[in-house]
Amino acid sequence: MQSFNFKKLTSDAATAFNRAVQYTEEKLGSAEKTELDAQFENLSERADKTKIWTEKILKQTESVLQPNPNIRLEEFVYNKLEKLDPSVKRPAEKETNHEILGVSLVGAGYDIGPGTAYGTALIKCGETEQRIGHAEKECMHKVHSHFLIPLRTFLDGDMKTIQVRILLDVVTVHLFLYGRFK
């Protein structure tokens, strides 16, 4: 278990409080707002927009791939559990609705009789539904591995690095303007 560091907690709380006070004073007009370079402001704004839109695209894509929010929540929980404890195993992959329908149609076709026109039509439709279901699964796997994972990697890696650099630049400007680097 990690040890509790009271000094770090109080230091972090004081820093957050000071930032909130400065932000409030700047918004109320009682403090001088730090003027930043126009190019820096532009880059910072673009970084914020990029982050917001990337997060929206990621969430919308996940909603399209799995419209059921309960199943999305289940997948989220299993992903978190697997990160914490790799021995946790998720249940077998669920069949798509097309695969389930395909199995029912094929079963009905064989039960009615593959020698009848209706039975043959049910079997052919069922096999087609199963192929559609397999294609849907393959598409979801490819979108996940070739689109969603790179987006998450960008948000968790590069985007955080950009935000830290922006924060460091702002802090440097504040320190320079308020006398620590003079």
Protein backbone atom coordinates (compact mmCIF):
# COMPACT_ATOMS: atom_id res chain seq x y z
CA MET A 1 0.00 0.00 0.00
CA GLN A 2 1.29 3.47 -0.82
CA SER A 3 2.22 5.68 2.10
CA PHE A 4 0.21 8.85 2.64
CA ASN A 5 2.27 12.00 2.03
CA PHE A 6 0.63 14.86 3.92
CA LYS A 7 3.19 17.46 2.77
CA LYS A 8 2.54 16.65 -0.89
CA LEU A 9 -1.22 16.79 -0.33
CA THR A 10 -1.03 20.22 1.34
CA SER A 11 1.36 21.50 -1.32
CA ASP A 12 -0.94 20.33 -4.12
CA ALA A 13 -3.97 21.81 -2.37
CA ALA A 14 -2.20 25.16 -1.88
CA THR A 15 -1.17 25.24 -5.54
CA ALA A 16 -4.71 24.48 -6.69
CA PHE A 17 -6.12 27.11 -4.34
CA ASN A 18 -3.66 29.76 -5.57
CA ARG A 19 -4.54 28.99 -9.17
CA ALA A 20 -8.25 29.24 -8.39
CA VAL A 21 -7.73 32.58 -6.64
CA GLN A 22 -5.73 33.98 -9.57
CA TYR A 23 -8.26 32.69 -12.11
CA THR A 24 -11.12 34.23 -10.12
CA GLU A 25 -9.31 37.55 -9.78
CA GLU A 26 -8.55 37.59 -13.51
CA LYS A 27 -12.20 36.87 -14.36
CA LEU A 28 -13.50 39.49 -11.93
CA GLY A 29 -11.03 42.05 -13.22
CA SER A 30 -9.29 42.69 -9.91
CA ALA A 31 -6.03 41.17 -11.07
CA GLU A 32 -3.91 41.77 -14.11
CA LYS A 33 -4.49 39.04 -16.66
CA THR A 34 -1.29 37.49 -17.90
CA GLU A 35 -0.91 38.32 -21.58
CA LEU A 36 0.53 35.47 -23.57
CA ASP A 37 2.03 35.50 -27.03
CA ALA A 38 -0.64 35.37 -29.77
CA GLN A 39 1.00 32.37 -31.46
CA PHE A 40 1.14 30.55 -28.13
CA GLU A 41 -2.55 31.35 -27.48
CA ASN A 42 -3.41 30.03 -30.96
CA LEU A 43 -1.47 26.80 -30.40
CA SER A 44 -3.04 26.34 -26.98
CA GLU A 45 -6.53 26.86 -28.40
CA ARG A 46 -5.86 24.41 -31.24
CA ALA A 47 -4.58 21.82 -28.76
CA ASP A 48 -7.72 22.19 -26.65
CA LYS A 49 -9.98 21.86 -29.70
CA THR A 50 -8.03 18.82 -30.92
CA LYS A 51 -8.40 17.13 -27.54
CA ILE A 52 -12.13 17.87 -27.29
CA TRP A 53 -12.90 16.68 -30.81
CA THR A 54 -10.75 13.57 -30.50
CA GLU A 55 -12.57 12.60 -27.29
CA LYS A 56 -15.96 13.17 -28.97
CA ILE A 57 -14.97 11.12 -32.03
CA LEU A 58 -13.71 8.32 -29.80
CA LYS A 59 -16.96 8.19 -27.79
CA GLN A 60 -19.19 8.39 -30.86
CA THR A 61 -17.27 5.64 -32.63
CA GLU A 62 -17.60 3.42 -29.57
CA SER A 63 -21.35 4.16 -29.53
CA VAL A 64 -21.68 3.16 -33.17
CA LEU A 65 -19.72 -0.06 -32.67
CA GLN A 66 -21.69 -0.99 -29.55
CA PRO A 67 -24.96 0.93 -29.24
CA ASN A 68 -25.96 -0.84 -26.00
CA PRO A 69 -24.61 1.31 -23.11
CA ASN A 70 -24.81 -1.62 -20.67
CA ILE A 71 -22.47 -3.73 -22.80
CA ARG A 72 -20.13 -0.72 -23.27
CA LEU A 73 -20.03 -0.33 -19.47
CA GLU A 74 -19.31 -4.04 -19.07
CA GLU A 75 -16.44 -3.81 -21.58
CA PHE A 76 -15.09 -0.72 -19.79
CA VAL A 77 -15.13 -2.51 -16.43
CA TYR A 78 -13.38 -5.59 -17.88
CA ASN A 79 -10.72 -3.38 -19.50
CA LYS A 80 -10.03 -1.67 -16.15
CA LEU A 81 -9.98 -4.99 -14.28
CA GLU A 82 -7.58 -6.51 -16.83
CA LYS A 83 -5.21 -3.55 -16.34
CA LEU A 84 -5.31 -3.98 -12.55
CA ASP A 85 -5.15 -7.77 -12.54
CA PRO A 86 -4.09 -9.52 -15.77
CA SER A 87 -5.42 -12.85 -14.47
CA VAL A 88 -9.01 -11.55 -14.81
CA LYS A 89 -10.58 -13.17 -17.84
CA ARG A 90 -13.48 -11.65 -19.72
CA PRO A 91 -16.33 -13.87 -20.87
CA ALA A 92 -16.28 -15.34 -24.36
CA GLU A 93 -17.03 -12.91 -27.15
CA LYS A 94 -20.75 -12.45 -27.65
CA GLU A 95 -22.43 -13.27 -30.91
CA THR A 96 -23.77 -10.39 -32.96
CA ASN A 97 -27.48 -10.05 -33.63
CA HIS A 98 -26.89 -11.13 -37.24
CA GLU A 99 -25.12 -14.30 -36.08
CA ILE A 100 -27.94 -15.12 -33.66
CA LEU A 101 -30.56 -14.56 -36.36
CA GLY A 102 -28.50 -16.66 -38.79
CA VAL A 103 -28.33 -19.60 -36.39
CA SER A 104 -32.11 -19.41 -35.86
CA LEU A 105 -32.82 -19.26 -39.59
CA VAL A 106 -30.52 -22.19 -40.37
CA GLY A 107 -32.03 -24.23 -37.53
CA ALA A 108 -35.55 -23.45 -38.73
CA GLY A 109 -34.61 -24.33 -42.32
CA TYR A 110 -33.25 -27.74 -41.33
CA ASP A 111 -36.21 -28.36 -39.03
CA ILE A 112 -38.75 -27.49 -41.75
CA GLY A 113 -36.80 -29.48 -44.26
CA PRO A 114 -33.88 -28.60 -46.52
CA GLY A 115 -35.72 -30.30 -49.39
CA THR A 116 -38.54 -27.73 -49.33
CA ALA A 117 -38.35 -24.32 -51.00
CA TYR A 118 -39.08 -22.56 -47.69
CA GLY A 119 -36.49 -24.59 -45.78
CA THR A 120 -33.84 -23.99 -48.44
CA ALA A 121 -34.59 -20.24 -48.43
CA LEU A 122 -34.30 -20.12 -44.62
CA ILE A 123 -30.97 -21.96 -44.69
CA LYS A 124 -29.54 -19.66 -47.39
CA CYS A 125 -30.75 -16.54 -45.57
CA GLY A 126 -29.40 -17.88 -42.28
CA GLU A 127 -25.96 -18.59 -43.75
CA THR A 128 -25.91 -15.08 -45.24
CA GLU A 129 -26.87 -13.56 -41.88
CA GLN A 130 -24.05 -15.52 -40.23
CA ARG A 131 -21.55 -14.20 -42.80
CA ILE A 132 -22.83 -10.65 -42.18
CA GLY A 133 -22.36 -11.21 -38.44
CA HIS A 134 -18.80 -12.45 -38.93
CA ALA A 135 -18.03 -9.46 -41.17
CA GLU A 136 -19.50 -7.13 -38.55
CA LYS A 137 -17.26 -8.63 -35.85
CA GLU A 138 -14.21 -8.37 -38.09
CA CYS A 139 -15.05 -4.74 -38.86
CA MET A 140 -15.43 -3.95 -35.14
CA HIS A 141 -12.07 -5.58 -34.36
CA LYS A 142 -10.32 -3.64 -37.14
CA VAL A 143 -11.89 -0.32 -36.16
CA HIS A 144 -10.88 -0.98 -32.56
CA SER A 145 -7.28 -1.91 -33.34
CA HIS A 146 -6.62 0.51 -36.22
CA PHE A 147 -8.67 3.53 -35.13
CA LEU A 148 -9.73 3.54 -31.47
CA ILE A 149 -6.46 2.33 -29.95
CA PRO A 150 -4.39 4.94 -31.86
CA LEU A 151 -6.85 7.67 -30.77
CA ARG A 152 -6.57 6.58 -27.13
CA THR A 153 -2.79 6.40 -27.44
CA PHE A 154 -2.77 9.95 -28.82
CA LEU A 155 -4.98 11.23 -25.98
CA ASP A 156 -3.03 9.39 -23.27
CA GLY A 157 0.42 10.16 -24.67
CA ASP A 158 0.95 13.00 -27.10
CA MET A 159 -2.00 15.10 -25.95
CA LYS A 160 -0.92 14.98 -22.31
CA THR A 161 2.62 15.91 -23.34
CA ILE A 162 1.27 18.91 -25.27
CA GLN A 163 -0.83 20.01 -22.30
CA VAL A 164 2.13 19.71 -19.91
CA ARG A 165 4.31 21.78 -22.26
CA ILE A 166 1.59 24.45 -22.50
CA LEU A 167 1.29 24.51 -18.71
CA LEU A 168 5.05 24.79 -18.32
CA ASP A 169 5.14 27.70 -20.78
CA VAL A 170 2.37 29.48 -18.88
CA VAL A 171 4.14 28.93 -15.57
CA THR A 172 7.40 30.23 -17.04
CA VAL A 173 5.64 33.39 -18.27
CA HIS A 174 4.04 33.90 -14.83
CA LEU A 175 7.35 33.43 -13.04
CA PHE A 176 9.11 35.80 -15.43
CA LEU A 177 6.41 38.48 -15.14
CA TYR A 178 6.10 38.30 -11.37
CA GLY A 179 9.78 38.64 -10.60
CA ARG A 180 11.23 35.23 -9.92
CA PHE A 181 13.34 35.23 -13.09
CA LYS A 182 14.15 38.96 -13.17
